[in-house]
Amino acid sequence: MIRNFVGILAPVATLAFAVSANAADERAIGKYDGMWSVTVYTTSGPCDPAQRIRGQIVNGEISYAYGSLDVTGHVEPSGATIVHVTYGSAHGVAHGHMTSTQGGGTWSSDGPDGRCTGTWSATRPTEASR
């Protein structure tokens, strides 16, 4: 289950999100919208060593639920990110920072197989590479 959880945490680490009533904040948040490629690396624990996943930010926010998977999080106008994930009895959190083209940070998860920690990095493909 932890192995599957790492694969789920990957897109979450970069799909960061916020909703704001302030027009300046809305413009800042919108700069994160689009497709992202995320790589999650495990530095300790029984999780897969690395996972690469594509994800999308829409309107600066994410709220995703599918079966026992629940993902919530946000990106501040400054680019600071935090994402929470639950998958069955496993749960995790990712922290980091994003710009309009890349991001990175750390993550940790706890589940039936033990605790895992690691890092994540994200890039937004350029128009030419899409």
Protein backbone atom coordinates (compact mmCIF):
# COMPACT_ATOMS: atom_id res chain seq x y z
CA MET A 1 0.00 0.00 0.00
CA ILE A 2 2.86 2.43 0.76
CA ARG A 3 4.28 1.84 -2.72
CA ASN A 4 0.97 2.87 -4.27
CA PHE A 5 0.77 5.81 -1.88
CA VAL A 6 4.11 7.22 -3.10
CA GLY A 7 2.81 7.14 -6.65
CA ILE A 8 -0.23 9.08 -5.50
CA LEU A 9 1.77 11.59 -3.46
CA ALA A 10 3.87 12.57 -6.48
CA PRO A 11 1.31 14.57 -8.42
CA VAL A 12 0.02 16.02 -5.24
CA ALA A 13 3.39 17.49 -4.32
CA THR A 14 3.25 19.79 -7.28
CA LEU A 15 -0.41 20.25 -7.88
CA ALA A 16 -0.70 23.08 -5.47
CA PHE A 17 -3.69 25.21 -4.90
CA ALA A 18 -5.42 28.22 -3.43
CA VAL A 19 -8.53 30.29 -3.88
CA SER A 20 -8.44 34.03 -3.30
CA ALA A 21 -10.95 36.85 -3.50
CA ASN A 22 -8.17 39.39 -4.13
CA ALA A 23 -7.59 40.05 -7.86
CA ALA A 24 -3.80 40.33 -7.40
CA ASP A 25 -3.76 36.98 -5.58
CA GLU A 26 -5.87 35.40 -8.32
CA ARG A 27 -3.35 36.50 -10.96
CA ALA A 28 -0.49 35.13 -8.87
CA ILE A 29 -2.23 31.80 -8.30
CA GLY A 30 -3.15 31.50 -12.00
CA LYS A 31 0.52 31.45 -12.95
CA TYR A 32 0.68 27.86 -11.60
CA ASP A 33 -2.19 26.57 -13.77
CA GLY A 34 -1.37 23.98 -16.42
CA MET A 35 0.26 20.59 -16.88
CA TRP A 36 3.20 19.58 -14.67
CA SER A 37 5.65 16.68 -14.67
CA VAL A 38 6.51 15.56 -11.14
CA THR A 39 9.23 13.21 -9.94
CA VAL A 40 9.12 11.90 -6.37
CA TYR A 41 12.27 10.42 -4.84
CA THR A 42 12.28 8.26 -1.71
CA THR A 43 15.23 8.90 0.60
CA SER A 44 14.18 6.58 3.43
CA GLY A 45 11.60 3.88 4.05
CA PRO A 46 9.98 0.97 2.15
CA CYS A 47 8.54 3.06 -0.73
CA ASP A 48 9.44 2.86 -4.42
CA PRO A 49 12.78 4.66 -5.08
CA ALA A 50 11.31 7.05 -7.64
CA GLN A 51 8.05 7.79 -9.43
CA ARG A 52 7.34 10.15 -12.33
CA ILE A 53 3.81 11.40 -12.80
CA ARG A 54 2.02 14.09 -14.80
CA GLY A 55 -0.57 16.29 -13.19
CA GLN A 56 -2.53 19.45 -13.78
CA ILE A 57 -3.37 22.56 -11.80
CA VAL A 58 -6.70 24.13 -12.74
CA ASN A 59 -7.79 27.53 -11.47
CA GLY A 60 -4.96 27.38 -8.94
CA GLU A 61 -6.55 24.63 -6.86
CA ILE A 62 -6.93 20.90 -6.46
CA SER A 63 -9.43 18.77 -4.66
CA TYR A 64 -9.35 15.17 -5.76
CA ALA A 65 -11.10 12.13 -4.36
CA TYR A 66 -11.31 8.65 -5.83
CA GLY A 67 -12.29 5.69 -3.71
CA SER A 68 -10.13 5.81 -0.60
CA LEU A 69 -7.82 8.48 -2.09
CA ASP A 70 -8.30 12.07 -0.91
CA VAL A 71 -5.99 14.93 -1.95
CA THR A 72 -6.19 18.55 -0.78
CA GLY A 73 -3.69 21.37 -0.81
CA HIS A 74 -2.75 24.84 -1.95
CA VAL A 75 -0.06 27.05 -3.38
CA GLU A 76 0.28 30.51 -1.91
CA PRO A 77 0.77 33.47 -4.25
CA SER A 78 4.40 33.39 -3.04
CA GLY A 79 4.71 29.81 -4.38
CA ALA A 80 4.81 28.10 -0.98
CA THR A 81 3.03 24.74 -1.21
CA ILE A 82 1.48 22.22 1.14
CA VAL A 83 -0.49 19.15 0.12
CA HIS A 84 -2.22 16.51 2.26
CA VAL A 85 -2.96 13.00 0.97
CA THR A 86 -4.83 10.10 2.50
CA TYR A 87 -5.08 6.69 0.87
CA GLY A 88 -6.84 4.07 2.93
CA SER A 89 -4.99 3.98 6.23
CA ALA A 90 -1.90 5.74 4.79
CA HIS A 91 -1.46 9.48 5.01
CA GLY A 92 1.18 11.94 3.91
CA VAL A 93 2.13 15.55 3.44
CA ALA A 94 4.30 17.41 0.93
CA HIS A 95 5.84 20.86 1.42
CA GLY A 96 7.77 22.96 -1.04
CA HIS A 97 7.94 25.98 -3.28
CA MET A 98 6.91 26.58 -6.88
CA THR A 99 7.66 29.13 -9.56
CA SER A 100 5.71 29.42 -12.79
CA THR A 101 7.99 26.79 -14.42
CA GLN A 102 9.39 24.52 -11.67
CA GLY A 103 9.05 23.44 -8.07
CA GLY A 104 10.46 21.18 -5.42
CA GLY A 105 10.33 20.21 -1.80
CA THR A 106 10.03 17.35 0.65
CA TRP A 107 7.38 14.78 1.52
CA SER A 108 6.68 12.15 4.15
CA SER A 109 4.08 9.41 4.52
CA ASP A 110 3.00 6.92 7.14
CA GLY A 111 1.20 3.69 6.37
CA PRO A 112 0.89 0.03 7.32
CA ASP A 113 4.35 -0.78 5.90
CA GLY A 114 6.10 2.05 7.77
CA ARG A 115 7.26 5.62 7.29
CA CYS A 116 8.76 6.99 4.08
CA THR A 117 10.36 10.34 3.40
CA GLY A 118 11.81 11.97 0.33
CA THR A 119 11.94 14.88 -2.05
CA TRP A 120 9.96 15.96 -5.09
CA SER A 121 10.69 18.10 -8.12
CA ALA A 122 8.33 19.42 -10.74
CA THR A 123 8.65 21.09 -14.10
CA ARG A 124 6.13 22.54 -16.49
CA PRO A 125 6.71 21.41 -20.07
CA THR A 126 7.33 24.23 -22.53
CA GLU A 127 4.96 24.82 -25.44
CA ALA A 128 7.55 23.25 -27.79
CA SER A 129 7.71 20.01 -25.80
CA ARG A 130 3.94 19.45 -25.44
